[in-house]
Each structure stands twice: as C-alpha cells, then as structure tokens.
C-alpha cells in the first residue's frame, strides 16, 4: 500500500486510489447565505413597513380603484408575461420556474423611491407595495400552481410550503414597521434610511456570494439575458398603459407602472435560495440578479428623462412669466428654451443680451 501517493486527509488508500472526506464548503456557505439573506430581507421589509401609514393605507383600501388596477398588473400581467416569455424562448424548465417566481413576486420597495423622483402618488405607491406583499401569501402560490404545470411534470417540484413560510414570516417585520411608524414616526425615518442601505448591501451580497457559490449559473443561454432585459420594460409599459386605459391620471399611471415593473428581486433570490437544491440553484440563481439590474437601469433612464423634461418645462414657465404685456394685458413675444423672443433677445430675468 503506497501511502505516499495519497492525500494527507485520505481516509482510505489503495495505491494511488484514495477516498477523502467530502468537501462541504459550498453547503456551509449556502447555509450561511440563506441565514444572512433571511435576516437582511427581514430588515428591509421592516423598513418598508416604516413607510406605511395605517390611515392612508386604509383610505386607499376604502377607495381601492388604484390598488385594484395595481393588483391586476402585479398578479395578472406579470405572471402571464413571464409564462409567455418562457414559452417563446423555450428556456430550461428550472429556469422557467425562476422566471415565474420572479413574475409572481410582490412589488419591491425600491419602487417607492423611484415614484418620489417621478412625482408619482407616494401614498398609492406605498399602499400598493404593502397590499401586494400581503396578497402575495395567497396569490403567489396560486399563480405558480396555475402557470408551472407544464414544467413541474418534468420531476420538478415547487416547494409551496417553503415559499408560504417565507412569505408569512416576512409579514411580521412589515407589521412591526407599520406599528413603529404609528408610534414613533421620527425613529421610523431613521429605520427607513438604514433599511435602504441594507437593501443595497443585500443585492451586493447576493451577487458576490452567489457568484462564488454558483459560478456556472452565469454561463447561461443568451435567451435568459434577453428575458431579464425586456421583462421589466414590458412590465413598466403595460402597467402604464392599463392605468391610462382605465382613466387614472398620469402621475398615478406612472406609480402603477413602477409597481408593475419593479418586482421584489431580493424576495425572489431568498425564496430560490431557501427552496431549491444546489444543483437547481446552479442554473437558476442568476436570473433574479439580471432582472434586478435591468429594472434599476430602466428606472434610472426614466428618472433622468423625466427630470430633464421637468427642468425644461420650468424654464419655459419662468420665461412666460417674464414676457411683457400689451395694453390689453396679453403676453407679447414667445419663449424659446427659456428665453424671451420679442425683437430683442432677453434672458428669463429680463437682462438684455
């Protein structure tokens, strides 16, 4: 027996053939990641609860038209779109499952921040996020059951119990956050800022640790990148279109669009991490990150374009205020990019150039 040819940690050797203890580093790291994700997501959901005022939430529930439209988008348009995209691109069954989980997730808290920068209805945005999170307890398993039949026939099991437990446990920090908002509004603002930072850190941790654990998950078909790119854009567009069709004003339509396209990608990553085996995670873990990246990209472009548009409109309004009047009180001249045009080119402050 040639012991020199074996590894030092070998438990049994026969010539150059050795048996070594299994390397469980990935399993330990996966367990640690699951615990960290769960704790950090609970903090994020607690912070989200700190944005919800019970009185305003109740006011929207009493007049639920905006919330109802958001419900149709969140649990109607998004799951159906996920299903159709999965069919159109003929993705792997396990990858179709993660696309469906993302499509069935409630709205993400980031939509509230973007709604602020797009001059949306903040009360409606927060109410929709809170209601979709609560309704996800029933709607998410139901939508998955309806849409994943053709893929679960291939010996793939949807862990409904694990998903249900995750959703229920996350409602506790949301409820606690609402209580803190009601009793300690000043502390709620501090918690909200902390939660926003934790939310960003959560995405970074998922990306880094997930990249170490599931390196092969980034070696995926181009179709998954395409779906991750166009899916949030479709959600934004269809949400806005439906809201306008039913007669909601533009600022509320923008809010519904954000709540539709912005999915809770952190929740999706946590559910996937807690519910599937390492082998399945290898080919499905990257999609929530891809979706998260592009939903932020599209939202950033929308905010940038809207702020430029707002600035230009403000310049024109300031210019019109400075236009001289004739004897009848009518404005004389016209504005061009914020400047008065009336024989002599003048600035909005009536300074001759």
Foldseek 3Di string as FASTA:
>chain_A
DPPVLDDPQFPDDDPNDTHHDDDCPLVVLLVVLLVLLLVLLLLLLLLLLLLAAPVLLVVCVVVVPLLVLLVCLQLPVQLVVLLVLCVVLVFQLLQSLLSNLQSLFFFASVLLVLLVLLVADNSSLSSNRLVSLVCSLPRSVVSSVVRSVVSVVVVDDDPNVLLNVSSVVSVVSSVNSNVCCVVPVVVSVVSNVVSVVSVVVLLVCLVVSVCVSQVLQVVGDVSLLVCLQCSLVVQLVVQLVSCVVVPHDNSSSNSSSSRNSGGHLSSSLSSPSRTDDSVSCNHHNCNSSSNVVNNVVVSVVVSVVSVVVVVQVVLQVLQQVQFDADPVRDGAAHDDSNWGDHPFTAHSVRDGD
